[in-house]
C-alpha atoms as a PDB file:
ATOM      1  CA  UNK A   1      -4.711  94.869  78.393  1.00  0.00           C
ATOM      2  CA  UNK A   2      -6.912  96.078  75.533  1.00  0.00           C
ATOM      3  CA  UNK A   3      -7.445  93.976  72.399  1.00  0.00           C
ATOM      4  CA  UNK A   4      -5.450  96.270  70.076  1.00  0.00           C
ATOM      5  CA  UNK A   5      -2.367  96.143  72.312  1.00  0.00           C
ATOM      6  CA  UNK A   6      -2.705  92.369  72.630  1.00  0.00           C
ATOM      7  CA  UNK A   7      -2.873  92.001  68.827  1.00  0.00           C
ATOM      8  CA  UNK A   8       0.227  94.184  68.419  1.00  0.00           C
ATOM      9  CA  UNK A   9       2.183  92.068  70.894  1.00  0.00           C
ATOM     10  CA  UNK A  10       1.123  88.864  69.142  1.00  0.00           C
ATOM     11  CA  UNK A  11       2.188  90.272  65.784  1.00  0.00           C
ATOM     12  CA  UNK A  12       5.609  91.286  67.127  1.00  0.00           C
ATOM     13  CA  UNK A  13       6.158  87.833  68.613  1.00  0.00           C
ATOM     14  CA  UNK A  14       5.147  86.195  65.328  1.00  0.00           C
ATOM     15  CA  UNK A  15       7.575  88.310  63.304  1.00  0.00           C
ATOM     16  CA  UNK A  16      10.391  87.522  65.727  1.00  0.00           C
ATOM     17  CA  UNK A  17       9.732  83.787  65.552  1.00  0.00           C
ATOM     18  CA  UNK A  18       9.378  83.686  61.775  1.00  0.00           C
ATOM     19  CA  UNK A  19      12.364  85.840  60.914  1.00  0.00           C
ATOM     20  CA  UNK A  20      14.556  86.655  63.928  1.00  0.00           C
ATOM     21  CA  UNK A  21      17.324  88.220  61.809  1.00  0.00           C
ATOM     22  CA  UNK A  22      15.018  91.178  61.106  1.00  0.00           C
ATOM     23  CA  UNK A  23      13.537  91.470  64.606  1.00  0.00           C
ATOM     24  CA  UNK A  24      16.408  92.742  66.732  1.00  0.00           C
ATOM     25  CA  UNK A  25      15.367  96.396  66.599  1.00  0.00           C
ATOM     26  CA  UNK A  26      18.691  97.247  64.955  1.00  0.00           C
ATOM     27  CA  UNK A  27      19.971  97.060  61.418  1.00  0.00           C
ATOM     28  CA  UNK A  28      19.942  93.359  60.443  1.00  0.00           C
ATOM     29  CA  UNK A  29      23.412  91.848  60.399  1.00  0.00           C
ATOM     30  CA  UNK A  30      24.807  89.705  57.563  1.00  0.00           C
ATOM     31  CA  UNK A  31      24.321  85.974  57.882  1.00  0.00           C
ATOM     32  CA  UNK A  32      27.614  84.134  57.466  1.00  0.00           C
ATOM     33  CA  UNK A  33      27.184  81.085  55.258  1.00  0.00           C
ATOM     34  CA  UNK A  34      28.921  77.798  55.960  1.00  0.00           C
ATOM     35  CA  UNK A  35      32.180  77.226  54.115  1.00  0.00           C
ATOM     36  CA  UNK A  36      31.394  75.734  50.698  1.00  0.00           C
ATOM     37  CA  UNK A  37      32.207  72.067  50.209  1.00  0.00           C
ATOM     38  CA  UNK A  38      34.535  71.859  47.226  1.00  0.00           C
ATOM     39  CA  UNK A  39      35.259  68.138  47.356  1.00  0.00           C
ATOM     40  CA  UNK A  40      31.753  66.877  46.568  1.00  0.00           C
ATOM     41  CA  UNK A  41      29.797  66.317  43.365  1.00  0.00           C
ATOM     42  CA  UNK A  42      29.935  64.047  40.334  1.00  0.00           C
ATOM     43  CA  UNK A  43      32.070  63.998  37.175  1.00  0.00           C
ATOM     44  CA  UNK A  44      31.370  66.875  34.804  1.00  0.00           C
ATOM     45  CA  UNK A  45      30.293  64.744  31.840  1.00  0.00           C
ATOM     46  CA  UNK A  46      27.686  62.955  33.968  1.00  0.00           C
ATOM     47  CA  UNK A  47      26.428  66.302  35.261  1.00  0.00           C
ATOM     48  CA  UNK A  48      26.104  67.675  31.715  1.00  0.00           C
ATOM     49  CA  UNK A  49      24.177  64.560  30.751  1.00  0.00           C
ATOM     50  CA  UNK A  50      21.712  65.091  33.622  1.00  0.00           C
ATOM     51  CA  UNK A  51      21.324  68.876  33.335  1.00  0.00           C
ATOM     52  CA  UNK A  52      17.683  69.843  32.719  1.00  0.00           C
ATOM     53  CA  UNK A  53      14.924  72.283  33.621  1.00  0.00           C
ATOM     54  CA  UNK A  54      12.174  71.289  36.017  1.00  0.00           C
ATOM     55  CA  UNK A  55       8.994  73.078  37.061  1.00  0.00           C
ATOM     56  CA  UNK A  56       7.874  70.643  39.741  1.00  0.00           C
ATOM     57  CA  UNK A  57       9.359  71.203  43.176  1.00  0.00           C
ATOM     58  CA  UNK A  58       9.030  69.912  46.694  1.00  0.00           C
ATOM     59  CA  UNK A  59       8.481  72.615  49.320  1.00  0.00           C
ATOM     60  CA  UNK A  60      11.247  71.092  51.479  1.00  0.00           C
ATOM     61  CA  UNK A  61      13.767  73.724  52.564  1.00  0.00           C
ATOM     62  CA  UNK A  62      17.369  73.502  51.415  1.00  0.00           C
ATOM     63  CA  UNK A  63      19.818  72.676  54.223  1.00  0.00           C
ATOM     64  CA  UNK A  64      22.242  75.472  55.140  1.00  0.00           C
ATOM     65  CA  UNK A  65      25.182  73.598  53.617  1.00  0.00           C
ATOM     66  CA  UNK A  66      23.378  73.069  50.327  1.00  0.00           C
ATOM     67  CA  UNK A  67      22.451  76.756  50.117  1.00  0.00           C
ATOM     68  CA  UNK A  68      26.060  77.701  50.819  1.00  0.00           C
ATOM     69  CA  UNK A  69      27.348  75.355  48.126  1.00  0.00           C
ATOM     70  CA  UNK A  70      24.725  76.552  45.662  1.00  0.00           C
ATOM     71  CA  UNK A  71      25.603  80.239  46.016  1.00  0.00           C
ATOM     72  CA  UNK A  72      29.326  79.613  45.871  1.00  0.00           C
ATOM     73  CA  UNK A  73      28.858  77.548  42.723  1.00  0.00           C
ATOM     74  CA  UNK A  74      26.735  80.330  41.239  1.00  0.00           C
ATOM     75  CA  UNK A  75      29.208  83.188  41.682  1.00  0.00           C
ATOM     76  CA  UNK A  76      31.433  82.627  44.681  1.00  0.00           C
ATOM     77  CA  UNK A  77      35.045  83.741  44.876  1.00  0.00           C
ATOM     78  CA  UNK A  78      37.349  80.972  43.648  1.00  0.00           C
ATOM     79  CA  UNK A  79      40.577  83.021  43.542  1.00  0.00           C
ATOM     80  CA  UNK A  80      41.015  84.860  46.804  1.00  0.00           C
ATOM     81  CA  UNK A  81      44.048  86.805  45.627  1.00  0.00           C
ATOM     82  CA  UNK A  82      42.089  88.547  42.859  1.00  0.00           C
ATOM     83  CA  UNK A  83      38.485  88.239  44.055  1.00  0.00           C
ATOM     84  CA  UNK A  84      37.512  86.595  40.777  1.00  0.00           C
ATOM     85  CA  UNK A  85      34.555  84.255  40.748  1.00  0.00           C
ATOM     86  CA  UNK A  86      33.325  80.886  39.587  1.00  0.00           C
ATOM     87  CA  UNK A  87      31.396  82.626  36.775  1.00  0.00           C
ATOM     88  CA  UNK A  88      33.127  84.984  34.323  1.00  0.00           C
ATOM     89  CA  UNK A  89      32.030  88.541  33.630  1.00  0.00           C
ATOM     90  CA  UNK A  90      33.021  90.957  30.881  1.00  0.00           C
ATOM     91  CA  UNK A  91      36.016  93.088  31.913  1.00  0.00           C
ATOM     92  CA  UNK A  92      35.595  91.438  35.335  1.00  0.00           C
ATOM     93  CA  UNK A  93      32.864  93.985  36.035  1.00  0.00           C
ATOM     94  CA  UNK A  94      31.057  91.528  38.352  1.00  0.00           C
ATOM     95  CA  UNK A  95      27.922  93.535  37.705  1.00  0.00           C
ATOM     96  CA  UNK A  96      25.398  90.780  38.447  1.00  0.00           C
ATOM     97  CA  UNK A  97      24.010  90.717  41.987  1.00  0.00           C
ATOM     98  CA  UNK A  98      22.190  87.645  43.257  1.00  0.00           C
ATOM     99  CA  UNK A  99      19.151  88.261  45.440  1.00  0.00           C
ATOM    100  CA  UNK A 100      17.894  85.214  47.333  1.00  0.00           C
ATOM    101  CA  UNK A 101      14.150  84.999  48.024  1.00  0.00           C
ATOM    102  CA  UNK A 102      13.056  82.450  50.622  1.00  0.00           C
ATOM    103  CA  UNK A 103      10.181  82.011  53.052  1.00  0.00           C
ATOM    104  CA  UNK A 104      12.308  83.878  55.628  1.00  0.00           C
ATOM    105  CA  UNK A 105      12.737  87.009  53.522  1.00  0.00           C
ATOM    106  CA  UNK A 106      14.891  88.510  50.803  1.00  0.00           C
ATOM    107  CA  UNK A 107      18.689  88.518  51.003  1.00  0.00           C
ATOM    108  CA  UNK A 108      21.580  89.737  48.860  1.00  0.00           C
ATOM    109  CA  UNK A 109      24.501  87.377  48.336  1.00  0.00           C
ATOM    110  CA  UNK A 110      27.885  88.885  49.219  1.00  0.00           C
ATOM    111  CA  UNK A 111      30.363  86.727  47.312  1.00  0.00           C
ATOM    112  CA  UNK A 112      33.439  88.315  48.907  1.00  0.00           C
ATOM    113  CA  UNK A 113      32.276  87.515  52.439  1.00  0.00           C
ATOM    114  CA  UNK A 114      30.261  84.449  51.375  1.00  0.00           C
ATOM    115  CA  UNK A 115      27.357  85.823  53.377  1.00  0.00           C
ATOM    116  CA  UNK A 116      23.737  86.872  52.989  1.00  0.00           C
ATOM    117  CA  UNK A 117      22.800  90.486  53.647  1.00  0.00           C
ATOM    118  CA  UNK A 118      19.166  90.863  54.777  1.00  0.00           C
ATOM    119  CA  UNK A 119      17.132  93.120  52.480  1.00  0.00           C
ATOM    120  CA  UNK A 120      13.438  92.541  53.279  1.00  0.00           C
ATOM    121  CA  UNK A 121      11.710  90.601  56.075  1.00  0.00           C
ATOM    122  CA  UNK A 122       8.939  89.518  53.714  1.00  0.00           C
ATOM    123  CA  UNK A 123       8.324  86.389  51.709  1.00  0.00           C
ATOM    124  CA  UNK A 124       8.282  87.836  48.182  1.00  0.00           C
ATOM    125  CA  UNK A 125       8.747  84.562  46.298  1.00  0.00           C
ATOM    126  CA  UNK A 126       5.412  85.019  44.517  1.00  0.00           C
ATOM    127  CA  UNK A 127       6.757  88.207  42.908  1.00  0.00           C
ATOM    128  CA  UNK A 128       9.728  86.423  41.348  1.00  0.00           C
ATOM    129  CA  UNK A 129       7.646  84.918  38.548  1.00  0.00           C
ATOM    130  CA  UNK A 130       4.192  84.536  37.090  1.00  0.00           C
ATOM    131  CA  UNK A 131       4.026  80.754  37.286  1.00  0.00           C
ATOM    132  CA  UNK A 132       2.045  79.426  40.260  1.00  0.00           C
ATOM    133  CA  UNK A 133       4.833  77.170  41.520  1.00  0.00           C
ATOM    134  CA  UNK A 134       7.303  79.970  42.314  1.00  0.00           C
ATOM    135  CA  UNK A 135       5.573  81.039  45.531  1.00  0.00           C
ATOM    136  CA  UNK A 136       6.321  77.665  47.159  1.00  0.00           C
ATOM    137  CA  UNK A 137       9.807  76.917  45.800  1.00  0.00           C
ATOM    138  CA  UNK A 138      12.337  77.005  48.684  1.00  0.00           C
ATOM    139  CA  UNK A 139      14.750  79.351  46.886  1.00  0.00           C
ATOM    140  CA  UNK A 140      14.204  81.821  44.075  1.00  0.00           C
ATOM    141  CA  UNK A 141      17.337  83.561  42.812  1.00  0.00           C
ATOM    142  CA  UNK A 142      16.901  87.017  41.291  1.00  0.00           C
ATOM    143  CA  UNK A 143      19.707  88.134  38.974  1.00  0.00           C
ATOM    144  CA  UNK A 144      20.066  91.919  38.960  1.00  0.00           C
ATOM    145  CA  UNK A 145      22.468  93.845  36.729  1.00  0.00           C
ATOM    146  CA  UNK A 146      24.047  96.991  38.141  1.00  0.00           C
ATOM    147  CA  UNK A 147      24.985  99.093  35.113  1.00  0.00           C
ATOM    148  CA  UNK A 148      26.894 101.553  37.314  1.00  0.00           C
ATOM    149  CA  UNK A 149      29.611  98.891  37.670  1.00  0.00           C
ATOM    150  CA  UNK A 150      30.121  98.686  33.900  1.00  0.00           C
ATOM    151  CA  UNK A 151      32.205 101.784  33.398  1.00  0.00           C
ATOM    152  CA  UNK A 152      31.738 103.816  30.230  1.00  0.00           C
ATOM    153  CA  UNK A 153      30.229 101.003  28.171  1.00  0.00           C
ATOM    154  CA  UNK A 154      27.290 102.085  26.045  1.00  0.00           C
ATOM    155  CA  UNK A 155      23.791 100.893  26.885  1.00  0.00           C
ATOM    156  CA  UNK A 156      23.689  98.229  24.161  1.00  0.00           C
ATOM    157  CA  UNK A 157      26.899  96.666  25.489  1.00  0.00           C
ATOM    158  CA  UNK A 158      25.656  96.830  29.068  1.00  0.00           C
ATOM    159  CA  UNK A 159      22.483  94.988  28.091  1.00  0.00           C
ATOM    160  CA  UNK A 160      24.391  92.399  26.037  1.00  0.00           C
ATOM    161  CA  UNK A 161      27.140  91.631  28.527  1.00  0.00           C
ATOM    162  CA  UNK A 162      24.907  91.608  31.593  1.00  0.00           C
ATOM    163  CA  UNK A 163      22.633  89.094  29.860  1.00  0.00           C
ATOM    164  CA  UNK A 164      25.619  86.912  28.945  1.00  0.00           C
ATOM    165  CA  UNK A 165      27.065  87.132  32.461  1.00  0.00           C
ATOM    166  CA  UNK A 166      23.703  86.152  33.938  1.00  0.00           C
ATOM    167  CA  UNK A 167      23.726  83.133  31.631  1.00  0.00           C
ATOM    168  CA  UNK A 168      27.105  82.018  32.983  1.00  0.00           C
ATOM    169  CA  UNK A 169      25.854  82.225  36.565  1.00  0.00           C
ATOM    170  CA  UNK A 170      22.575  80.457  35.888  1.00  0.00           C
ATOM    171  CA  UNK A 171      24.404  77.640  34.089  1.00  0.00           C
ATOM    172  CA  UNK A 172      26.649  77.181  37.127  1.00  0.00           C
ATOM    173  CA  UNK A 173      23.457  76.778  39.150  1.00  0.00           C
ATOM    174  CA  UNK A 174      22.119  74.248  36.651  1.00  0.00           C
ATOM    175  CA  UNK A 175      25.296  72.178  36.871  1.00  0.00           C
ATOM    176  CA  UNK A 176      25.378  72.265  40.664  1.00  0.00           C
ATOM    177  CA  UNK A 177      21.739  71.197  40.795  1.00  0.00           C
ATOM    178  CA  UNK A 178      22.344  68.338  38.357  1.00  0.00           C
ATOM    179  CA  UNK A 179      25.287  67.196  40.469  1.00  0.00           C
ATOM    180  CA  UNK A 180      23.322  67.286  43.729  1.00  0.00           C
ATOM    181  CA  UNK A 181      19.964  65.967  42.538  1.00  0.00           C
ATOM    182  CA  UNK A 182      18.174  69.313  42.850  1.00  0.00           C
ATOM    183  CA  UNK A 183      15.515  70.711  40.532  1.00  0.00           C
ATOM    184  CA  UNK A 184      15.930  74.106  38.881  1.00  0.00           C
ATOM    185  CA  UNK A 185      14.612  76.285  36.081  1.00  0.00           C
ATOM    186  CA  UNK A 186      15.675  79.708  34.871  1.00  0.00           C
ATOM    187  CA  UNK A 187      12.769  82.043  34.168  1.00  0.00           C
ATOM    188  CA  UNK A 188      12.098  85.215  32.222  1.00  0.00           C
ATOM    189  CA  UNK A 189       8.357  85.306  32.845  1.00  0.00           C
ATOM    190  CA  UNK A 190       8.389  87.840  35.674  1.00  0.00           C
ATOM    191  CA  UNK A 191       6.986  91.330  36.154  1.00  0.00           C
ATOM    192  CA  UNK A 192      10.382  93.008  36.381  1.00  0.00           C
ATOM    193  CA  UNK A 193       9.006  96.464  37.091  1.00  0.00           C
ATOM    194  CA  UNK A 194       6.942  95.295  40.077  1.00  0.00           C
ATOM    195  CA  UNK A 195       9.758  93.127  41.426  1.00  0.00           C
ATOM    196  CA  UNK A 196      12.328  95.893  40.962  1.00  0.00           C
ATOM    197  CA  UNK A 197      10.140  98.377  42.812  1.00  0.00           C
ATOM    198  CA  UNK A 198       9.568  95.928  45.648  1.00  0.00           C
ATOM    199  CA  UNK A 199      13.266  95.351  46.228  1.00  0.00           C
ATOM    200  CA  UNK A 200      13.981  99.070  45.767  1.00  0.00           C
ATOM    201  CA  UNK A 201      16.324  98.866  42.800  1.00  0.00           C
ATOM    202  CA  UNK A 202      18.076 102.048  41.716  1.00  0.00           C
ATOM    203  CA  UNK A 203      17.940 103.646  38.245  1.00  0.00           C
ATOM    204  CA  UNK A 204      21.094 101.775  37.131  1.00  0.00           C
ATOM    205  CA  UNK A 205      19.787  98.382  38.252  1.00  0.00           C
ATOM    206  CA  UNK A 206      17.502  96.017  36.405  1.00  0.00           C
ATOM    207  CA  UNK A 207      16.199  92.485  36.868  1.00  0.00           C
ATOM    208  CA  UNK A 208      17.565  90.200  34.141  1.00  0.00           C
ATOM    209  CA  UNK A 209      16.247  86.725  35.017  1.00  0.00           C
ATOM    210  CA  UNK A 210      15.100  84.660  37.976  1.00  0.00           C
ATOM    211  CA  UNK A 211      15.825  81.020  38.803  1.00  0.00           C
ATOM    212  CA  UNK A 212      14.021  78.579  41.079  1.00  0.00           C
ATOM    213  CA  UNK A 213      15.877  75.917  43.052  1.00  0.00           C
ATOM    214  CA  UNK A 214      14.577  73.122  45.258  1.00  0.00           C
ATOM    215  CA  UNK A 215      14.231  69.401  45.639  1.00  0.00           C
ATOM    216  CA  UNK A 216      12.284  67.540  42.938  1.00  0.00           C
ATOM    217  CA  UNK A 217       8.627  66.917  43.685  1.00  0.00           C
ATOM    218  CA  UNK A 218       8.099  63.365  44.857  1.00  0.00           C
END
């Protein structure tokens, strides 16, 4: 076996071990999240008292259940009959998509199925912000507005309402994190053009904000 072939085999094995969802040779399948736990957490007034931004994170991964709860709290479906979500949106456009950047790759949250759709097999956390800490945070959420879902609204209204709707989602994340003892911070310091190109956004899509989530640094 020549050295080039050996290196190729080693690389393929490494990719499979690091991120098996992308290594099947077929289109990656959605990852079904655990059912969200809706009977946990602390009283709202205590959570509001403890809500804060933090820029110091542990690199400890979030357990699967915590990630499930986090995404459902952010913008999961809380009324199955109508498909409406935990966060409001103008005209119920539901135009904000949540991309989830982890060490295992980039995923898109499907609120209807409560699942993660694989997008990229790369760790792109460093592209989700300009602060040094973002590349090691377990989860970076990328909030992307899809203006094509906003009907005939003019551009000014699309910008305004998508920003407001992102704020509702990010506040849900803040409150969940305060309830569960997680650290989080919403961020606007990000090269949106570079990030948008990397995740192959269309002409009607734009990055609004990003948000880091993890355990507090000990």
